[in-house]
C-alpha atoms as a PDB file:
ATOM      1  CA  TYR A   1      14.437  17.012 -10.650  1.00  0.00           C
ATOM      2  CA  ASN A   2      14.505  20.443 -12.022  1.00  0.00           C
ATOM      3  CA  PHE A   3      15.015  18.995 -15.249  1.00  0.00           C
ATOM      4  CA  ILE A   4      12.928  15.961 -14.913  1.00  0.00           C
ATOM      5  CA  ILE A   5       9.706  17.425 -13.396  1.00  0.00           C
ATOM      6  CA  PRO A   6       8.431  19.161 -16.534  1.00  0.00           C
ATOM      7  CA  HIS A   7       8.684  16.132 -18.277  1.00  0.00           C
ATOM      8  CA  PHE A   8       6.514  14.853 -15.568  1.00  0.00           C
ATOM      9  CA  GLU A   9       4.013  17.064 -15.812  1.00  0.00           C
ATOM     10  CA  LYS A  10       4.156  17.147 -19.501  1.00  0.00           C
ATOM     11  CA  ARG A  11       2.958  13.797 -19.486  1.00  0.00           C
ATOM     12  CA  LYS A  12       0.258  14.166 -16.705  1.00  0.00           C
ATOM     13  CA  ILE A  13       2.344  12.604 -13.992  1.00  0.00           C
ATOM     14  CA  GLU A  14       0.311  13.728 -10.843  1.00  0.00           C
ATOM     15  CA  LYS A  15       2.697  12.522  -8.670  1.00  0.00           C
ATOM     16  CA  CYS A  16       6.746  11.545  -7.742  1.00  0.00           C
ATOM     17  CA  THR A  17       7.079   9.181  -4.683  1.00  0.00           C
ATOM     18  CA  LEU A  18      10.307   7.965  -3.278  1.00  0.00           C
ATOM     19  CA  GLU A  19      12.319   6.598  -0.249  1.00  0.00           C
ATOM     20  CA  VAL A  20      15.182   7.717   0.919  1.00  0.00           C
ATOM     21  CA  ILE A  21      17.506   5.917   3.987  1.00  0.00           C
ATOM     22  CA  GLU A  22      16.855   8.113   6.995  1.00  0.00           C
ATOM     23  CA  GLU A  23      20.121   8.994   7.888  1.00  0.00           C
ATOM     24  CA  ASN A  24      21.013  10.351   4.223  1.00  0.00           C
ATOM     25  CA  LYS A  25      20.273  13.805   5.565  1.00  0.00           C
ATOM     26  CA  ALA A  26      21.579  15.928   2.607  1.00  0.00           C
ATOM     27  CA  ALA A  27      19.158  14.064   0.673  1.00  0.00           C
ATOM     28  CA  ILE A  28      16.260  14.964   2.479  1.00  0.00           C
ATOM     29  CA  ASN A  29      17.107  18.462   2.669  1.00  0.00           C
ATOM     30  CA  VAL A  30      17.592  18.188  -1.302  1.00  0.00           C
ATOM     31  CA  TYR A  31      13.749  16.419  -1.876  1.00  0.00           C
ATOM     32  CA  LYS A  32      12.574  18.749   0.709  1.00  0.00           C
ATOM     33  CA  SER A  33      13.884  21.837  -1.096  1.00  0.00           C
ATOM     34  CA  LEU A  34      11.977  20.971  -4.136  1.00  0.00           C
ATOM     35  CA  GLY A  35       9.118  20.388  -2.794  1.00  0.00           C
ATOM     36  CA  PHE A  36       8.838  16.469  -1.615  1.00  0.00           C
ATOM     37  CA  THR A  37       7.205  15.714   1.870  1.00  0.00           C
ATOM     38  CA  VAL A  38       7.445  13.109   4.088  1.00  0.00           C
ATOM     39  CA  LEU A  39       4.531  10.296   3.917  1.00  0.00           C
ATOM     40  CA  ARG A  40       5.522   7.806   6.599  1.00  0.00           C
ATOM     41  CA  GLU A  41       8.524   6.116   8.045  1.00  0.00           C
ATOM     42  CA  LEU A  42       9.508   2.583   6.758  1.00  0.00           C
ATOM     43  CA  ASP A  43      11.279  -0.368   8.174  1.00  0.00           C
ATOM     44  CA  CYS A  44      13.207  -2.833   6.834  1.00  0.00           C
ATOM     45  CA  PHE A  45      14.162  -6.325   8.248  1.00  0.00           C
ATOM     46  CA  LYS A  46      16.484  -9.173   6.888  1.00  0.00           C
ATOM     47  CA  GLY A  47      17.491 -12.214   8.709  1.00  0.00           C
ATOM     48  CA  LEU A  48      17.732 -16.002   8.712  1.00  0.00           C
ATOM     49  CA  ILE A  49      14.136 -17.949  10.428  1.00  0.00           C
ATOM     50  CA  ASP A  50      14.087 -20.967  11.778  1.00  0.00           C
ATOM     51  CA  PRO A  51      11.943 -23.371   9.510  1.00  0.00           C
ATOM     52  CA  GLY A  52      10.108 -24.892  12.678  1.00  0.00           C
ATOM     53  CA  THR A  53       6.977 -27.565  12.559  1.00  0.00           C
ATOM     54  CA  THR A  54       4.316 -27.960   9.810  1.00  0.00           C
ATOM     55  CA  ASN A  55       1.077 -27.851  10.696  1.00  0.00           C
ATOM     56  CA  ASN A  56      -0.687 -30.807   8.691  1.00  0.00           C
ATOM     57  CA  GLU A  57      -4.056 -29.300   8.390  1.00  0.00           C
ATOM     58  CA  LEU A  58      -2.569 -26.328   6.403  1.00  0.00           C
ATOM     59  CA  GLU A  59      -1.872 -26.703   2.769  1.00  0.00           C
ATOM     60  CA  PHE A  60       0.262 -24.294   0.272  1.00  0.00           C
ATOM     61  CA  ARG A  61      -0.520 -23.537  -3.132  1.00  0.00           C
ATOM     62  CA  ARG A  62       1.397 -21.955  -5.654  1.00  0.00           C
ATOM     63  CA  LEU A  63      -1.255 -19.294  -7.117  1.00  0.00           C
ATOM     64  CA  ASN A  64      -1.171 -18.890 -10.820  1.00  0.00           C
ATOM     65  CA  HIS A  65      -2.261 -15.413 -10.641  1.00  0.00           C
ATOM     66  CA  ALA A  66      -3.168 -12.520  -7.967  1.00  0.00           C
ATOM     67  CA  ASP A  67      -6.698 -11.687  -6.619  1.00  0.00           C
ATOM     68  CA  TRP A  68      -5.849  -8.362  -5.744  1.00  0.00           C
ATOM     69  CA  SER A  69      -9.032  -7.289  -4.193  1.00  0.00           C
ATOM     70  CA  LEU A  70      -9.124 -10.394  -2.095  1.00  0.00           C
ATOM     71  CA  PHE A  71      -5.685  -9.893  -0.949  1.00  0.00           C
ATOM     72  CA  GLN A  72      -6.017  -6.027  -0.446  1.00  0.00           C
ATOM     73  CA  SER A  73      -8.836  -7.330   2.274  1.00  0.00           C
ATOM     74  CA  PHE A  74      -6.744  -8.688   4.060  1.00  0.00           C
ATOM     75  CA  TRP A  75      -4.108  -5.775   4.593  1.00  0.00           C
ATOM     76  CA  SER A  76      -3.673  -3.801   7.725  1.00  0.00           C
ATOM     77  CA  TRP A  77      -1.175  -1.027   6.058  1.00  0.00           C
ATOM     78  CA  THR A  78      -0.588  -0.233   2.122  1.00  0.00           C
ATOM     79  CA  PRO A  79       2.855  -1.388   0.542  1.00  0.00           C
ATOM     80  CA  THR A  80       4.548   1.204  -1.093  1.00  0.00           C
ATOM     81  CA  TRP A  81       5.103   1.825  -4.550  1.00  0.00           C
ATOM     82  CA  GLN A  82       7.482  -0.735  -5.752  1.00  0.00           C
ATOM     83  CA  ASN A  83       5.969  -3.635  -3.881  1.00  0.00           C
ATOM     84  CA  SER A  84       2.069  -2.143  -5.033  1.00  0.00           C
ATOM     85  CA  PRO A  85      -0.194  -4.380  -7.030  1.00  0.00           C
ATOM     86  CA  ALA A  86       0.356  -2.666 -10.003  1.00  0.00           C
ATOM     87  CA  ALA A  87       4.384  -3.292  -9.681  1.00  0.00           C
ATOM     88  CA  SER A  88       3.657  -6.401  -8.277  1.00  0.00           C
ATOM     89  CA  GLU A  89       1.740  -7.412 -11.186  1.00  0.00           C
ATOM     90  CA  LYS A  90       4.519  -6.430 -13.937  1.00  0.00           C
ATOM     91  CA  SER A  91       7.066  -9.170 -11.491  1.00  0.00           C
ATOM     92  CA  LEU A  92       4.789 -11.923 -11.092  1.00  0.00           C
ATOM     93  CA  ASP A  93       7.160 -13.871 -13.919  1.00  0.00           C
ATOM     94  CA  GLN A  94       9.906 -13.153 -11.627  1.00  0.00           C
ATOM     95  CA  ASN A  95       8.170 -13.950  -8.146  1.00  0.00           C
ATOM     96  CA  GLU A  96       6.092 -16.733  -6.031  1.00  0.00           C
ATOM     97  CA  VAL A  97       2.851 -16.034  -5.379  1.00  0.00           C
ATOM     98  CA  ILE A  98       1.467 -18.804  -2.429  1.00  0.00           C
ATOM     99  CA  GLY A  99      -1.694 -18.996  -0.473  1.00  0.00           C
ATOM    100  CA  LEU A 100      -1.618 -20.728   3.195  1.00  0.00           C
ATOM    101  CA  PHE A 101      -5.282 -22.617   2.636  1.00  0.00           C
ATOM    102  CA  LYS A 102      -7.197 -24.264   5.811  1.00  0.00           C
ATOM    103  CA  HIS A 103     -10.247 -26.658   4.095  1.00  0.00           C
ATOM    104  CA  ASN A 104     -10.059 -24.611   0.504  1.00  0.00           C
ATOM    105  CA  GLN A 105     -10.076 -21.019   2.322  1.00  0.00           C
ATOM    106  CA  LEU A 106      -7.642 -19.139   2.004  1.00  0.00           C
ATOM    107  CA  LEU A 107      -6.069 -18.069   5.241  1.00  0.00           C
ATOM    108  CA  ALA A 108      -2.854 -15.870   4.095  1.00  0.00           C
ATOM    109  CA  TYR A 109      -0.812 -15.502   0.960  1.00  0.00           C
ATOM    110  CA  ALA A 110       2.637 -14.251   0.180  1.00  0.00           C
ATOM    111  CA  ILE A 111       4.322 -12.882  -2.709  1.00  0.00           C
ATOM    112  CA  TYR A 112       8.240 -13.604  -3.087  1.00  0.00           C
ATOM    113  CA  ASN A 113      11.491 -14.027  -4.990  1.00  0.00           C
ATOM    114  CA  LEU A 114      13.315 -17.462  -4.324  1.00  0.00           C
ATOM    115  CA  GLY A 115      16.628 -16.353  -5.758  1.00  0.00           C
ATOM    116  CA  THR A 116      16.889 -13.233  -3.763  1.00  0.00           C
ATOM    117  CA  GLY A 117      14.533 -14.282  -0.443  1.00  0.00           C
ATOM    118  CA  ARG A 118      12.917 -11.100  -0.579  1.00  0.00           C
ATOM    119  CA  ILE A 119       9.284 -10.843   0.120  1.00  0.00           C
ATOM    120  CA  LEU A 120       7.482  -8.473  -1.303  1.00  0.00           C
ATOM    121  CA  GLN A 121       3.980  -8.952   0.283  1.00  0.00           C
ATOM    122  CA  PHE A 122       2.163 -10.937   2.728  1.00  0.00           C
ATOM    123  CA  ALA A 123      -0.697 -10.507   4.852  1.00  0.00           C
ATOM    124  CA  ILE A 124      -3.000 -12.580   6.987  1.00  0.00           C
ATOM    125  CA  HIS A 125      -6.824 -12.588   6.901  1.00  0.00           C
ATOM    126  CA  LYS A 126      -7.603 -10.300   9.770  1.00  0.00           C
ATOM    127  CA  LYS A 127      -9.944 -13.121  11.494  1.00  0.00           C
ATOM    128  CA  HIS A 128      -7.125 -15.344  11.199  1.00  0.00           C
ATOM    129  CA  ARG A 129      -4.274 -13.909  12.605  1.00  0.00           C
ATOM    130  CA  ARG A 130      -2.361 -14.740  15.695  1.00  0.00           C
ATOM    131  CA  LYS A 131      -2.612 -18.407  15.376  1.00  0.00           C
ATOM    132  CA  GLY A 132       0.925 -19.114  13.820  1.00  0.00           C
ATOM    133  CA  LEU A 133      -0.226 -18.855  10.323  1.00  0.00           C
ATOM    134  CA  GLY A 134       2.518 -16.014   9.643  1.00  0.00           C
ATOM    135  CA  THR A 135       5.187 -18.106  11.106  1.00  0.00           C
ATOM    136  CA  GLU A 136       4.096 -21.326   8.678  1.00  0.00           C
ATOM    137  CA  LEU A 137       3.724 -18.969   5.955  1.00  0.00           C
ATOM    138  CA  PHE A 138       7.548 -17.841   6.688  1.00  0.00           C
ATOM    139  CA  SER A 139       8.954 -20.819   7.543  1.00  0.00           C
ATOM    140  CA  TYR A 140       7.295 -22.340   4.332  1.00  0.00           C
ATOM    141  CA  ILE A 141       9.189 -19.598   2.043  1.00  0.00           C
ATOM    142  CA  SER A 142      12.707 -20.089   4.528  1.00  0.00           C
ATOM    143  CA  LYS A 143      12.734 -23.646   3.314  1.00  0.00           C
ATOM    144  CA  LYS A 144      12.117 -22.883   0.369  1.00  0.00           C
ATOM    145  CA  ALA A 145      14.814 -20.109  -0.354  1.00  0.00           C
ATOM    146  CA  ARG A 146      17.303 -21.687   2.135  1.00  0.00           C
ATOM    147  CA  LYS A 147      19.046 -18.670   2.910  1.00  0.00           C
ATOM    148  CA  GLN A 148      18.258 -15.453   4.634  1.00  0.00           C
ATOM    149  CA  LEU A 149      15.118 -13.479   4.267  1.00  0.00           C
ATOM    150  CA  SER A 150      14.214  -9.444   3.788  1.00  0.00           C
ATOM    151  CA  ILE A 151      11.484  -7.533   3.305  1.00  0.00           C
ATOM    152  CA  LEU A 152      11.708  -3.934   2.634  1.00  0.00           C
ATOM    153  CA  ASN A 153       9.860  -0.901   3.564  1.00  0.00           C
ATOM    154  CA  VAL A 154       7.223  -1.934   5.973  1.00  0.00           C
ATOM    155  CA  ASP A 155       5.049   1.114   7.312  1.00  0.00           C
ATOM    156  CA  GLY A 156       6.776   2.371  10.748  1.00  0.00           C
ATOM    157  CA  LYS A 157       3.212   2.313  12.443  1.00  0.00           C
ATOM    158  CA  ALA A 158       2.031  -1.342  11.647  1.00  0.00           C
ATOM    159  CA  ASN A 159       2.970  -1.944  15.078  1.00  0.00           C
ATOM    160  CA  GLU A 160       1.298  -5.764  14.609  1.00  0.00           C
ATOM    161  CA  THR A 161       3.330  -6.448  11.434  1.00  0.00           C
ATOM    162  CA  LEU A 162       6.900  -4.829  13.074  1.00  0.00           C
ATOM    163  CA  GLY A 163       6.144  -7.363  15.900  1.00  0.00           C
ATOM    164  CA  PHE A 164       5.878 -10.411  14.370  1.00  0.00           C
ATOM    165  CA  LEU A 165       9.068  -9.996  12.130  1.00  0.00           C
ATOM    166  CA  GLN A 166      10.754  -9.174  15.321  1.00  0.00           C
ATOM    167  CA  SER A 167       9.346 -11.627  16.542  1.00  0.00           C
ATOM    168  CA  ILE A 168      10.197 -14.778  14.240  1.00  0.00           C
ATOM    169  CA  GLY A 169      14.178 -13.734  14.313  1.00  0.00           C
ATOM    170  CA  LEU A 170      14.285 -11.028  11.476  1.00  0.00           C
ATOM    171  CA  LYS A 171      16.172  -7.668  12.519  1.00  0.00           C
ATOM    172  CA  LYS A 172      15.651  -4.049  11.430  1.00  0.00           C
ATOM    173  CA  PHE A 173      18.796  -3.000   9.728  1.00  0.00           C
ATOM    174  CA  ILE A 174      17.400   0.147   7.738  1.00  0.00           C
ATOM    175  CA  LYS A 175      14.964   3.264   8.202  1.00  0.00           C
ATOM    176  CA  GLN A 176      13.664   4.768   5.323  1.00  0.00           C
ATOM    177  CA  LEU A 177      11.724   7.728   4.682  1.00  0.00           C
ATOM    178  CA  GLU A 178       8.629   7.481   1.909  1.00  0.00           C
ATOM    179  CA  MET A 179       8.450  11.388   0.480  1.00  0.00           C
ATOM    180  CA  GLU A 180       6.115  12.489  -2.069  1.00  0.00           C
ATOM    181  CA  LEU A 181       5.989  15.729  -4.656  1.00  0.00           C
ATOM    182  CA  LYS A 182       2.921  16.749  -5.924  1.00  0.00           C
ATOM    183  CA  LEU A 183       2.682  18.078  -9.541  1.00  0.00           C
ATOM    184  CA  SER A 184       0.924  20.493 -10.796  1.00  0.00           C
ATOM    185  CA  SER A 185      -0.742  18.073 -13.675  1.00  0.00           C
END
């Protein structure tokens, strides 16, 4: 970091963000000594999901592009940098974007990698939560992936999301800290 930070500043990069496993105290101490501060705690989940039954009133559609302004209106917490709209947009050719619709209204969406079973983002419209749509969304992905699903770096204060993930059978397997260093640019 002592070598690279001047290069970041020269390129007018304003901040450096990273995630570190909470148990890696040595790395955390090094990052803190460099001036990084903890932004938030993050939880990572994985597990098998029972696909369950499907609600026939709902329709899944593969979306050709991500409508970020609409998707962000569904959020109750902000994804970390690697699942941000900018990073997700760069990897859309490797991932699938699906929407869950009822009467042509988007109620939920997910971005996931079928090969790895990793879910990058998902959200349910705020007016349609607690109606089983999240379960439908994850069941759909589980049926397509036919493997263990995972979702990384869920905000540790997003209690509704954390409770949902545990309720469908995903298990927390690691905790990370999101840290940031503001640069002098």
